[in-house]
C-alpha atoms as a PDB file:
ATOM      1  CA  MET A   1      23.742  35.663   7.951  1.00  0.00           C
ATOM      2  CA  PRO A   2      26.922  34.771  10.145  1.00  0.00           C
ATOM      3  CA  GLN A   3      27.428  37.088  13.088  1.00  0.00           C
ATOM      4  CA  ASP A   4      30.519  39.552  13.045  1.00  0.00           C
ATOM      5  CA  ALA A   5      33.733  37.575  13.047  1.00  0.00           C
ATOM      6  CA  GLU A   6      35.141  39.816  15.804  1.00  0.00           C
ATOM      7  CA  ARG A   7      32.402  38.918  18.249  1.00  0.00           C
ATOM      8  CA  THR A   8      32.738  35.194  17.517  1.00  0.00           C
ATOM      9  CA  GLY A   9      36.350  34.969  17.372  1.00  0.00           C
ATOM     10  CA  ALA A  10      36.193  33.542  13.926  1.00  0.00           C
ATOM     11  CA  ASP A  11      39.288  35.435  12.725  1.00  0.00           C
ATOM     12  CA  ASP A  12      41.333  32.511  13.987  1.00  0.00           C
ATOM     13  CA  VAL A  13      39.527  30.013  11.971  1.00  0.00           C
ATOM     14  CA  GLU A  14      41.713  28.623   8.893  1.00  0.00           C
ATOM     15  CA  GLU A  15      39.848  28.070   5.691  1.00  0.00           C
ATOM     16  CA  THR A  16      40.532  24.959   3.748  1.00  0.00           C
ATOM     17  CA  SER A  17      42.031  25.477   0.323  1.00  0.00           C
ATOM     18  CA  GLY A  18      39.245  23.844  -1.717  1.00  0.00           C
ATOM     19  CA  GLU A  19      41.657  22.968  -4.308  1.00  0.00           C
ATOM     20  CA  LEU A  20      41.382  19.220  -4.023  1.00  0.00           C
ATOM     21  CA  VAL A  21      40.077  17.616  -7.192  1.00  0.00           C
ATOM     22  CA  SER A  22      38.395  14.546  -5.560  1.00  0.00           C
ATOM     23  CA  ASP A  23      37.186  13.485  -1.979  1.00  0.00           C
ATOM     24  CA  GLU A  24      36.874   9.793  -2.950  1.00  0.00           C
ATOM     25  CA  HIS A  25      40.138   9.125  -1.234  1.00  0.00           C
ATOM     26  CA  SER A  26      41.843  10.292   2.121  1.00  0.00           C
ATOM     27  CA  VAL A  27      44.398  12.999   1.786  1.00  0.00           C
ATOM     28  CA  ALA A  28      47.841  11.892   2.892  1.00  0.00           C
ATOM     29  CA  THR A  29      49.707  14.179   5.190  1.00  0.00           C
ATOM     30  CA  ILE A  30      52.742  15.434   3.473  1.00  0.00           C
ATOM     31  CA  GLU A  31      55.553  16.589   5.985  1.00  0.00           C
ATOM     32  CA  LYS A  32      57.452  19.804   5.303  1.00  0.00           C
ATOM     33  CA  ASP A  33      60.633  18.002   4.435  1.00  0.00           C
ATOM     34  CA  ASP A  34      59.032  15.221   2.306  1.00  0.00           C
ATOM     35  CA  PRO A  35      61.701  14.334  -0.410  1.00  0.00           C
ATOM     36  CA  VAL A  36      59.159  13.880  -3.178  1.00  0.00           C
ATOM     37  CA  ALA A  37      57.580  17.281  -2.451  1.00  0.00           C
ATOM     38  CA  SER A  38      61.172  18.817  -2.292  1.00  0.00           C
ATOM     39  CA  GLU A  39      62.075  17.484  -5.779  1.00  0.00           C
ATOM     40  CA  ILE A  40      58.730  18.619  -7.187  1.00  0.00           C
ATOM     41  CA  ARG A  41      59.242  22.063  -5.694  1.00  0.00           C
ATOM     42  CA  LYS A  42      62.875  22.259  -6.879  1.00  0.00           C
ATOM     43  CA  ARG A  43      61.901  21.235 -10.541  1.00  0.00           C
ATOM     44  CA  ILE A  44      58.918  23.524 -10.864  1.00  0.00           C
ATOM     45  CA  ARG A  45      60.705  26.599  -9.294  1.00  0.00           C
ATOM     46  CA  ALA A  46      63.640  25.947 -11.809  1.00  0.00           C
ATOM     47  CA  ARG A  47      61.125  25.976 -14.661  1.00  0.00           C
ATOM     48  CA  ILE A  48      59.279  29.160 -13.502  1.00  0.00           C
ATOM     49  CA  ASP A  49      62.717  30.965 -13.061  1.00  0.00           C
ATOM     50  CA  ALA A  50      63.810  30.021 -16.627  1.00  0.00           C
ATOM     51  CA  GLY A  51      60.562  30.930 -18.017  1.00  0.00           C
ATOM     52  CA  GLU A  52      59.817  27.354 -18.992  1.00  0.00           C
ATOM     53  CA  ILE A  53      56.787  26.347 -16.983  1.00  0.00           C
ATOM     54  CA  GLN A  54      54.395  24.185 -18.959  1.00  0.00           C
ATOM     55  CA  LEU A  55      50.783  23.435 -17.964  1.00  0.00           C
ATOM     56  CA  PRO A  56      48.810  20.497 -19.385  1.00  0.00           C
ATOM     57  CA  ARG A  57      46.119  21.923 -21.368  1.00  0.00           C
ATOM     58  CA  ARG A  58      42.756  20.442 -22.484  1.00  0.00           C
ATOM     59  CA  PRO A  59      43.204  19.244 -26.123  1.00  0.00           C
ATOM     60  CA  GLU A  60      39.855  20.385 -27.387  1.00  0.00           C
ATOM     61  CA  VAL A  61      40.343  23.968 -25.988  1.00  0.00           C
ATOM     62  CA  ALA A  62      43.811  24.412 -27.229  1.00  0.00           C
ATOM     63  CA  SER A  63      42.918  23.266 -30.785  1.00  0.00           C
ATOM     64  CA  ARG A  64      39.789  25.378 -30.989  1.00  0.00           C
ATOM     65  CA  ILE A  65      41.786  28.518 -29.789  1.00  0.00           C
ATOM     66  CA  LEU A  66      44.427  27.769 -32.475  1.00  0.00           C
ATOM     67  CA  ASP A  67      41.893  27.299 -35.134  1.00  0.00           C
ATOM     68  CA  PHE A  68      39.822  30.380 -34.171  1.00  0.00           C
ATOM     69  CA  THR A  69      42.952  32.762 -33.884  1.00  0.00           C
ATOM     70  CA  LYS A  70      43.827  31.858 -37.477  1.00  0.00           C
ATOM     71  CA  SER A  71      40.274  32.656 -38.892  1.00  0.00           C
ATOM     72  CA  SER A  72      39.998  35.961 -40.632  1.00  0.00           C
ATOM     73  CA  ASP A  73      36.574  36.413 -38.991  1.00  0.00           C
ATOM     74  CA  ALA A  74      38.097  36.283 -35.458  1.00  0.00           C
ATOM     75  CA  SER A  75      37.201  39.354 -33.414  1.00  0.00           C
ATOM     76  CA  VAL A  76      38.692  40.197 -29.891  1.00  0.00           C
ATOM     77  CA  ARG A  77      35.548  39.501 -28.152  1.00  0.00           C
ATOM     78  CA  ASP A  78      35.461  36.043 -29.614  1.00  0.00           C
ATOM     79  CA  VAL A  79      38.996  35.340 -28.964  1.00  0.00           C
ATOM     80  CA  ILE A  80      38.574  36.233 -25.347  1.00  0.00           C
ATOM     81  CA  ARG A  81      35.785  33.947 -25.040  1.00  0.00           C
ATOM     82  CA  HIS A  82      38.009  31.070 -26.019  1.00  0.00           C
ATOM     83  CA  VAL A  83      41.033  32.118 -24.058  1.00  0.00           C
ATOM     84  CA  ARG A  84      39.044  32.227 -20.800  1.00  0.00           C
ATOM     85  CA  ALA A  85      38.701  28.445 -20.982  1.00  0.00           C
ATOM     86  CA  ASP A  86      42.657  28.048 -21.123  1.00  0.00           C
ATOM     87  CA  PRO A  87      44.473  29.127 -17.882  1.00  0.00           C
ATOM     88  CA  ALA A  88      47.956  28.503 -19.517  1.00  0.00           C
ATOM     89  CA  LEU A  89      47.340  30.611 -22.587  1.00  0.00           C
ATOM     90  CA  ALA A  90      45.533  33.374 -20.551  1.00  0.00           C
ATOM     91  CA  GLY A  91      48.710  33.610 -18.348  1.00  0.00           C
ATOM     92  CA  LYS A  92      51.098  33.659 -21.202  1.00  0.00           C
ATOM     93  CA  LEU A  93      49.217  36.472 -22.866  1.00  0.00           C
ATOM     94  CA  LEU A  94      49.376  38.509 -19.695  1.00  0.00           C
ATOM     95  CA  GLU A  95      53.128  37.706 -19.272  1.00  0.00           C
ATOM     96  CA  VAL A  96      53.953  38.722 -22.786  1.00  0.00           C
ATOM     97  CA  ALA A  97      51.684  41.849 -22.893  1.00  0.00           C
ATOM     98  CA  ASN A  98      53.489  43.190 -19.784  1.00  0.00           C
ATOM     99  CA  SER A  99      57.015  42.258 -21.035  1.00  0.00           C
ATOM    100  CA  ALA A 100      59.530  44.733 -22.010  1.00  0.00           C
ATOM    101  CA  ALA A 101      58.914  44.292 -25.529  1.00  0.00           C
ATOM    102  CA  TYR A 102      55.174  45.363 -25.318  1.00  0.00           C
ATOM    103  CA  ALA A 103      54.700  47.145 -22.059  1.00  0.00           C
ATOM    104  CA  GLY A 104      53.718  50.813 -22.223  1.00  0.00           C
ATOM    105  CA  SER A 105      53.138  53.219 -19.333  1.00  0.00           C
ATOM    106  CA  ASN A 106      49.953  51.187 -18.251  1.00  0.00           C
ATOM    107  CA  HIS A 107      50.129  47.765 -16.727  1.00  0.00           C
ATOM    108  CA  VAL A 108      47.676  45.168 -18.600  1.00  0.00           C
ATOM    109  CA  TYR A 109      45.488  43.657 -16.061  1.00  0.00           C
ATOM    110  CA  SER A 110      42.833  42.082 -18.182  1.00  0.00           C
ATOM    111  CA  LEU A 111      42.853  39.586 -21.235  1.00  0.00           C
ATOM    112  CA  GLN A 112      40.975  42.117 -23.335  1.00  0.00           C
ATOM    113  CA  MET A 113      43.784  44.701 -22.819  1.00  0.00           C
ATOM    114  CA  ALA A 114      46.494  41.870 -23.354  1.00  0.00           C
ATOM    115  CA  ILE A 115      44.807  40.840 -26.697  1.00  0.00           C
ATOM    116  CA  VAL A 116      44.320  44.391 -27.882  1.00  0.00           C
ATOM    117  CA  ARG A 117      47.939  45.123 -26.999  1.00  0.00           C
ATOM    118  CA  LEU A 118      49.377  42.146 -28.688  1.00  0.00           C
ATOM    119  CA  GLY A 119      47.060  42.043 -31.662  1.00  0.00           C
ATOM    120  CA  LEU A 120      45.480  38.772 -33.079  1.00  0.00           C
ATOM    121  CA  ASN A 121      48.366  37.706 -35.307  1.00  0.00           C
ATOM    122  CA  ARG A 122      50.625  37.676 -32.112  1.00  0.00           C
ATOM    123  CA  VAL A 123      47.990  35.947 -30.079  1.00  0.00           C
ATOM    124  CA  SER A 124      47.740  33.281 -32.888  1.00  0.00           C
ATOM    125  CA  GLU A 125      51.662  32.937 -32.898  1.00  0.00           C
ATOM    126  CA  ILE A 126      51.614  32.624 -28.909  1.00  0.00           C
ATOM    127  CA  ALA A 127      48.811  29.870 -29.069  1.00  0.00           C
ATOM    128  CA  LEU A 128      50.803  28.099 -31.751  1.00  0.00           C
ATOM    129  CA  SER A 129      54.007  28.187 -29.635  1.00  0.00           C
ATOM    130  CA  LEU A 130      52.085  26.861 -26.694  1.00  0.00           C
ATOM    131  CA  SER A 131      50.334  24.024 -28.552  1.00  0.00           C
ATOM    132  CA  GLY A 132      53.767  22.647 -29.613  1.00  0.00           C
ATOM    133  CA  ALA A 133      55.431  23.048 -26.214  1.00  0.00           C
ATOM    134  CA  THR A 134      52.757  21.949 -23.915  1.00  0.00           C
ATOM    135  CA  LYS A 135      51.210  18.590 -23.114  1.00  0.00           C
ATOM    136  CA  ASN A 136      47.369  18.005 -23.187  1.00  0.00           C
ATOM    137  CA  PHE A 137      45.218  16.287 -20.781  1.00  0.00           C
ATOM    138  CA  ALA A 138      44.264  13.381 -23.104  1.00  0.00           C
ATOM    139  CA  ARG A 139      47.788  11.982 -23.136  1.00  0.00           C
ATOM    140  CA  GLU A 140      48.453  12.300 -19.532  1.00  0.00           C
ATOM    141  CA  LYS A 141      48.310   9.284 -17.193  1.00  0.00           C
ATOM    142  CA  ARG A 142      45.867  11.055 -14.779  1.00  0.00           C
ATOM    143  CA  SER A 143      43.682  12.889 -17.325  1.00  0.00           C
ATOM    144  CA  ASN A 144      40.603  12.460 -15.382  1.00  0.00           C
ATOM    145  CA  LEU A 145      42.174  14.217 -12.264  1.00  0.00           C
ATOM    146  CA  LEU A 146      43.393  17.103 -14.573  1.00  0.00           C
ATOM    147  CA  ALA A 147      40.062  17.500 -16.271  1.00  0.00           C
ATOM    148  CA  ARG A 148      38.313  17.785 -12.979  1.00  0.00           C
ATOM    149  CA  GLN A 149      40.907  20.357 -11.723  1.00  0.00           C
ATOM    150  CA  TRP A 150      40.352  22.248 -14.926  1.00  0.00           C
ATOM    151  CA  LYS A 151      36.534  22.269 -14.279  1.00  0.00           C
ATOM    152  CA  TYR A 152      36.981  23.320 -10.624  1.00  0.00           C
ATOM    153  CA  GLN A 153      39.302  26.230 -11.463  1.00  0.00           C
ATOM    154  CA  THR A 154      37.000  27.454 -14.243  1.00  0.00           C
ATOM    155  CA  ALA A 155      33.849  27.337 -12.095  1.00  0.00           C
ATOM    156  CA  THR A 156      35.696  29.097  -9.363  1.00  0.00           C
ATOM    157  CA  ALA A 157      36.755  31.871 -12.035  1.00  0.00           C
ATOM    158  CA  PHE A 158      33.218  32.266 -13.077  1.00  0.00           C
ATOM    159  CA  ALA A 159      31.970  32.430  -9.543  1.00  0.00           C
ATOM    160  CA  CYS A 160      34.549  35.105  -8.606  1.00  0.00           C
ATOM    161  CA  GLU A 161      33.647  37.159 -11.714  1.00  0.00           C
ATOM    162  CA  GLU A 162      30.060  37.216 -10.600  1.00  0.00           C
ATOM    163  CA  LEU A 163      30.784  37.998  -6.971  1.00  0.00           C
ATOM    164  CA  ALA A 164      33.137  40.922  -8.064  1.00  0.00           C
ATOM    165  CA  ARG A 165      30.058  42.465  -9.766  1.00  0.00           C
ATOM    166  CA  LEU A 166      28.556  42.664  -6.417  1.00  0.00           C
ATOM    167  CA  VAL A 167      31.477  44.576  -4.786  1.00  0.00           C
ATOM    168  CA  PRO A 168      31.656  48.245  -6.042  1.00  0.00           C
ATOM    169  CA  THR A 169      35.515  48.427  -5.582  1.00  0.00           C
ATOM    170  CA  GLU A 170      36.291  45.171  -7.563  1.00  0.00           C
ATOM    171  CA  LEU A 171      36.587  44.538 -11.222  1.00  0.00           C
ATOM    172  CA  PRO A 172      34.797  41.468 -12.575  1.00  0.00           C
ATOM    173  CA  GLU A 173      37.804  40.694 -14.745  1.00  0.00           C
ATOM    174  CA  HIS A 174      40.182  40.683 -11.835  1.00  0.00           C
ATOM    175  CA  GLY A 175      37.701  38.282 -10.034  1.00  0.00           C
ATOM    176  CA  PHE A 176      37.739  36.153 -13.023  1.00  0.00           C
ATOM    177  CA  LEU A 177      41.479  36.011 -13.430  1.00  0.00           C
ATOM    178  CA  THR A 178      41.940  35.231  -9.760  1.00  0.00           C
ATOM    179  CA  GLY A 179      39.539  32.465  -9.726  1.00  0.00           C
ATOM    180  CA  LEU A 180      41.135  31.029 -12.907  1.00  0.00           C
ATOM    181  CA  PHE A 181      44.767  31.331 -11.649  1.00  0.00           C
ATOM    182  CA  HIS A 182      44.164  30.471  -7.965  1.00  0.00           C
ATOM    183  CA  ALA A 183      45.381  26.825  -8.133  1.00  0.00           C
ATOM    184  CA  VAL A 184      47.123  26.957 -11.565  1.00  0.00           C
ATOM    185  CA  ALA A 185      50.175  25.054 -10.516  1.00  0.00           C
ATOM    186  CA  ALA A 186      48.163  21.932  -9.802  1.00  0.00           C
ATOM    187  CA  PRO A 187      48.239  20.489 -13.196  1.00  0.00           C
ATOM    188  CA  ALA A 188      52.066  21.142 -13.199  1.00  0.00           C
ATOM    189  CA  ILE A 189      52.627  19.326 -10.061  1.00  0.00           C
ATOM    190  CA  VAL A 190      50.545  16.271 -11.531  1.00  0.00           C
ATOM    191  CA  ASP A 191      52.624  16.539 -14.559  1.00  0.00           C
ATOM    192  CA  VAL A 192      56.046  16.525 -12.623  1.00  0.00           C
ATOM    193  CA  ILE A 193      54.767  13.565 -10.518  1.00  0.00           C
ATOM    194  CA  GLY A 194      54.211  11.642 -13.711  1.00  0.00           C
ATOM    195  CA  GLU A 195      57.663  12.605 -14.996  1.00  0.00           C
ATOM    196  CA  LEU A 196      59.295  11.317 -11.855  1.00  0.00           C
ATOM    197  CA  GLU A 197      57.539   8.010 -11.945  1.00  0.00           C
ATOM    198  CA  ARG A 198      58.357   7.280 -15.443  1.00  0.00           C
ATOM    199  CA  ALA A 199      61.889   8.000 -14.963  1.00  0.00           C
ATOM    200  CA  GLY A 200      61.922   5.732 -11.965  1.00  0.00           C
ATOM    201  CA  GLU A 201      63.136   8.474  -9.665  1.00  0.00           C
ATOM    202  CA  ILE A 202      59.988   7.880  -7.366  1.00  0.00           C
ATOM    203  CA  ALA A 203      57.716   5.164  -6.592  1.00  0.00           C
ATOM    204  CA  HIS A 204      53.995   5.211  -7.990  1.00  0.00           C
ATOM    205  CA  GLN A 205      52.106   7.859  -6.016  1.00  0.00           C
ATOM    206  CA  SER A 206      48.667   6.870  -4.715  1.00  0.00           C
ATOM    207  CA  ASP A 207      45.760   9.143  -5.150  1.00  0.00           C
ATOM    208  CA  SER A 208      45.820   9.890  -1.319  1.00  0.00           C
ATOM    209  CA  ARG A 209      49.587  11.039  -1.811  1.00  0.00           C
ATOM    210  CA  ILE A 210      48.803  13.045  -4.802  1.00  0.00           C
ATOM    211  CA  LEU A 211      46.207  14.977  -3.035  1.00  0.00           C
ATOM    212  CA  GLY A 212      48.517  15.562  -0.237  1.00  0.00           C
ATOM    213  CA  LEU A 213      51.113  16.922  -2.410  1.00  0.00           C
ATOM    214  CA  LEU A 214      48.551  19.200  -4.044  1.00  0.00           C
ATOM    215  CA  ASP A 215      47.537  20.347  -0.687  1.00  0.00           C
ATOM    216  CA  ARG A 216      51.081  20.975   0.442  1.00  0.00           C
ATOM    217  CA  LEU A 217      52.564  22.646  -2.904  1.00  0.00           C
ATOM    218  CA  THR A 218      49.846  24.270  -4.806  1.00  0.00           C
ATOM    219  CA  ASN A 219      49.507  27.598  -3.232  1.00  0.00           C
ATOM    220  CA  GLU A 220      53.127  28.225  -2.924  1.00  0.00           C
ATOM    221  CA  LEU A 221      53.977  27.322  -6.545  1.00  0.00           C
ATOM    222  CA  THR A 222      50.819  29.076  -7.803  1.00  0.00           C
ATOM    223  CA  LEU A 223      52.103  32.274  -6.417  1.00  0.00           C
ATOM    224  CA  ARG A 224      55.337  32.129  -8.085  1.00  0.00           C
ATOM    225  CA  ILE A 225      53.751  31.292 -11.398  1.00  0.00           C
ATOM    226  CA  VAL A 226      51.144  34.189 -11.254  1.00  0.00           C
ATOM    227  CA  ARG A 227      53.935  36.699 -10.249  1.00  0.00           C
ATOM    228  CA  ALA A 228      56.089  35.514 -13.472  1.00  0.00           C
ATOM    229  CA  TRP A 229      52.831  36.111 -15.389  1.00  0.00           C
ATOM    230  CA  ASN A 230      52.467  39.513 -14.127  1.00  0.00           C
ATOM    231  CA  ALA A 231      49.002  38.836 -12.798  1.00  0.00           C
ATOM    232  CA  PRO A 232      47.104  41.959 -11.168  1.00  0.00           C
ATOM    233  CA  THR A 233      48.602  42.762  -7.773  1.00  0.00           C
ATOM    234  CA  ALA A 234      45.144  42.230  -6.154  1.00  0.00           C
ATOM    235  CA  ALA A 235      44.802  38.841  -7.665  1.00  0.00           C
ATOM    236  CA  VAL A 236      48.306  37.830  -6.385  1.00  0.00           C
ATOM    237  CA  ASP A 237      47.353  39.047  -2.932  1.00  0.00           C
ATOM    238  CA  ALA A 238      44.082  37.150  -2.911  1.00  0.00           C
ATOM    239  CA  ILE A 239      45.836  33.841  -3.981  1.00  0.00           C
ATOM    240  CA  ARG A 240      48.401  34.488  -1.376  1.00  0.00           C
ATOM    241  CA  PHE A 241      45.865  34.795   1.488  1.00  0.00           C
ATOM    242  CA  GLN A 242      43.185  32.369   0.338  1.00  0.00           C
ATOM    243  CA  ASP A 243      44.226  29.539   2.804  1.00  0.00           C
ATOM    244  CA  GLY A 244      45.150  31.778   5.652  1.00  0.00           C
ATOM    245  CA  LYS A 245      43.067  32.969   8.467  1.00  0.00           C
ATOM    246  CA  LEU A 246      40.126  35.127   8.155  1.00  0.00           C
ATOM    247  CA  ARG A 247      41.745  38.161   9.677  1.00  0.00           C
ATOM    248  CA  ASP A 248      44.623  38.065   7.050  1.00  0.00           C
ATOM    249  CA  ARG A 249      42.105  38.829   4.340  1.00  0.00           C
ATOM    250  CA  ARG A 250      40.630  41.845   6.097  1.00  0.00           C
ATOM    251  CA  GLY A 251      40.728  44.851   3.604  1.00  0.00           C
ATOM    252  CA  LYS A 252      41.373  42.608   0.647  1.00  0.00           C
ATOM    253  CA  PRO A 253      37.816  42.156  -0.905  1.00  0.00           C
ATOM    254  CA  LEU A 254      39.320  40.039  -3.867  1.00  0.00           C
ATOM    255  CA  ALA A 255      40.635  37.444  -1.156  1.00  0.00           C
ATOM    256  CA  HIS A 256      37.151  37.256   0.393  1.00  0.00           C
ATOM    257  CA  ILE A 257      35.676  36.838  -3.240  1.00  0.00           C
ATOM    258  CA  LEU A 258      38.205  34.011  -3.985  1.00  0.00           C
ATOM    259  CA  VAL A 259      37.162  32.124  -0.810  1.00  0.00           C
ATOM    260  CA  CYS A 260      33.656  32.358  -1.546  1.00  0.00           C
ATOM    261  CA  GLY A 261      34.024  31.577  -5.199  1.00  0.00           C
ATOM    262  CA  LYS A 262      35.770  28.397  -4.302  1.00  0.00           C
ATOM    263  CA  ALA A 263      32.896  27.391  -1.888  1.00  0.00           C
ATOM    264  CA  ILE A 264      30.282  27.976  -4.652  1.00  0.00           C
ATOM    265  CA  ALA A 265      32.246  25.934  -7.094  1.00  0.00           C
ATOM    266  CA  THR A 266      32.673  23.088  -4.599  1.00  0.00           C
ATOM    267  CA  GLU A 267      28.960  23.133  -3.683  1.00  0.00           C
ATOM    268  CA  LEU A 268      28.168  22.701  -7.499  1.00  0.00           C
ATOM    269  CA  GLY A 269      30.257  19.610  -7.588  1.00  0.00           C
ATOM    270  CA  MET A 270      32.921  21.056  -9.993  1.00  0.00           C
ATOM    271  CA  GLY A 271      35.660  18.698  -9.386  1.00  0.00           C
ATOM    272  CA  THR A 272      34.501  17.287  -6.105  1.00  0.00           C
ATOM    273  CA  ARG A 273      31.206  15.910  -4.639  1.00  0.00           C
ATOM    274  CA  PRO A 274      28.708  18.689  -3.816  1.00  0.00           C
ATOM    275  CA  GLN A 275      29.144  20.120  -0.423  1.00  0.00           C
ATOM    276  CA  PRO A 276      26.656  22.670   0.870  1.00  0.00           C
ATOM    277  CA  ILE A 277      28.046  26.075   1.882  1.00  0.00           C
ATOM    278  CA  VAL A 278      28.025  26.404   5.743  1.00  0.00           C
ATOM    279  CA  PHE A 279      28.034  30.343   6.064  1.00  0.00           C
ATOM    280  CA  GLU A 280      29.087  29.933   9.777  1.00  0.00           C
ATOM    281  CA  THR A 281      32.301  28.170   8.518  1.00  0.00           C
ATOM    282  CA  VAL A 282      32.957  30.138   5.255  1.00  0.00           C
ATOM    283  CA  ARG A 283      32.761  33.424   6.977  1.00  0.00           C
ATOM    284  CA  ASP A 284      34.095  35.412   4.117  1.00  0.00           C
ATOM    285  CA  PHE A 285      30.375  35.500   2.815  1.00  0.00           C
ATOM    286  CA  HIS A 286      29.757  37.896   5.762  1.00  0.00           C
ATOM    287  CA  PHE A 287      32.143  40.356   4.340  1.00  0.00           C
ATOM    288  CA  LEU A 288      30.346  40.301   0.928  1.00  0.00           C
ATOM    289  CA  LYS A 289      27.008  40.655   2.773  1.00  0.00           C
ATOM    290  CA  LEU A 290      25.760  37.459   1.070  1.00  0.00           C
ATOM    291  CA  ASP A 291      23.340  34.775   2.404  1.00  0.00           C
ATOM    292  CA  THR A 292      21.652  31.838   0.666  1.00  0.00           C
ATOM    293  CA  LEU A 293      19.402  33.954  -1.279  1.00  0.00           C
ATOM    294  CA  GLY A 294      22.239  36.245  -2.412  1.00  0.00           C
ATOM    295  CA  VAL A 295      24.212  33.408  -3.600  1.00  0.00           C
ATOM    296  CA  GLU A 296      21.630  31.854  -5.660  1.00  0.00           C
ATOM    297  CA  PRO A 297      22.007  34.112  -8.819  1.00  0.00           C
ATOM    298  CA  VAL A 298      25.734  33.559  -8.771  1.00  0.00           C
ATOM    299  CA  ARG A 299      25.249  29.770  -8.664  1.00  0.00           C
ATOM    300  CA  ASP A 300      22.949  30.032 -11.669  1.00  0.00           C
ATOM    301  CA  ALA A 301      25.377  32.213 -13.671  1.00  0.00           C
ATOM    302  CA  VAL A 302      28.196  29.716 -12.979  1.00  0.00           C
ATOM    303  CA  LEU A 303      26.244  26.767 -14.214  1.00  0.00           C
ATOM    304  CA  ASP A 304      25.154  28.813 -17.334  1.00  0.00           C
ATOM    305  CA  LYS A 305      28.758  29.918 -18.185  1.00  0.00           C
ATOM    306  CA  MET A 306      30.099  26.251 -17.648  1.00  0.00           C
ATOM    307  CA  MET A 307      27.530  25.149 -20.146  1.00  0.00           C
ATOM    308  CA  GLN A 308      28.663  27.805 -22.594  1.00  0.00           C
ATOM    309  CA  VAL A 309      32.371  26.901 -22.075  1.00  0.00           C
ATOM    310  CA  ALA A 310      31.314  23.200 -22.908  1.00  0.00           C
ATOM    311  CA  LYS A 311      30.217  24.655 -26.371  1.00  0.00           C
ATOM    312  CA  VAL A 312      33.263  26.697 -27.032  1.00  0.00           C
END
């Protein structure tokens, strides 16, 4: 196990975001005032503020959810199983369930609570509206990149869910949503890059440039999206501090869980080449009291759940 962070001065170590979908190419450094980054930021912010943010979706997942919610045999549990594979729909359900039209005295913080509050008919309507309004991966120029990002986010969600079970103060559902949403702006960024290229407003962006733009913009824009979705406060805080220094995550178990969940997803090769976990570097494992043996059951559970998602 790693030594205490205070004794080693590791509080000053900055963690990598882990959100990059490929390490086959170098990552371009994007300056703060980069004009392409500024235009992407402006467009996505405007869409978030207008309630019009659209995230490309996996076509097979979107169509299955739509078909399933129309079924007379659908149950809340079965619908949840399908929705968990679709970050865009999961976020929309939380947003609507916590809107003025539905919100009661209690804030909805889980998919089960959101679906029960809305009812299956309303869930079906929302799924249908999203299917008509959003794009899908298959039609996108960079569909492979988007698909890898989806796999990475989903694996991170499952890892965070399992890790949260090991922390008495945390809810597995919070862990899952935190992992699922932690880089949810990435598909929107890739989508806007494609829009700008097709309109001739920017030159074709290389893979290196795209990875650099993701690295620069994803966390900032993800925070705006999850706040608009009324995601759990603990999840928003975890996402906010995921790329900061270790000391910033103190007292925020869900933030430690997110960093560790991303490391596990990366090690499993979900969206990037496998990279072994170096416990001396990813020191958040220390706060969860996890070593190699402790992480092994989490890895196994993630792989099992990813196989189940493939069958959804």
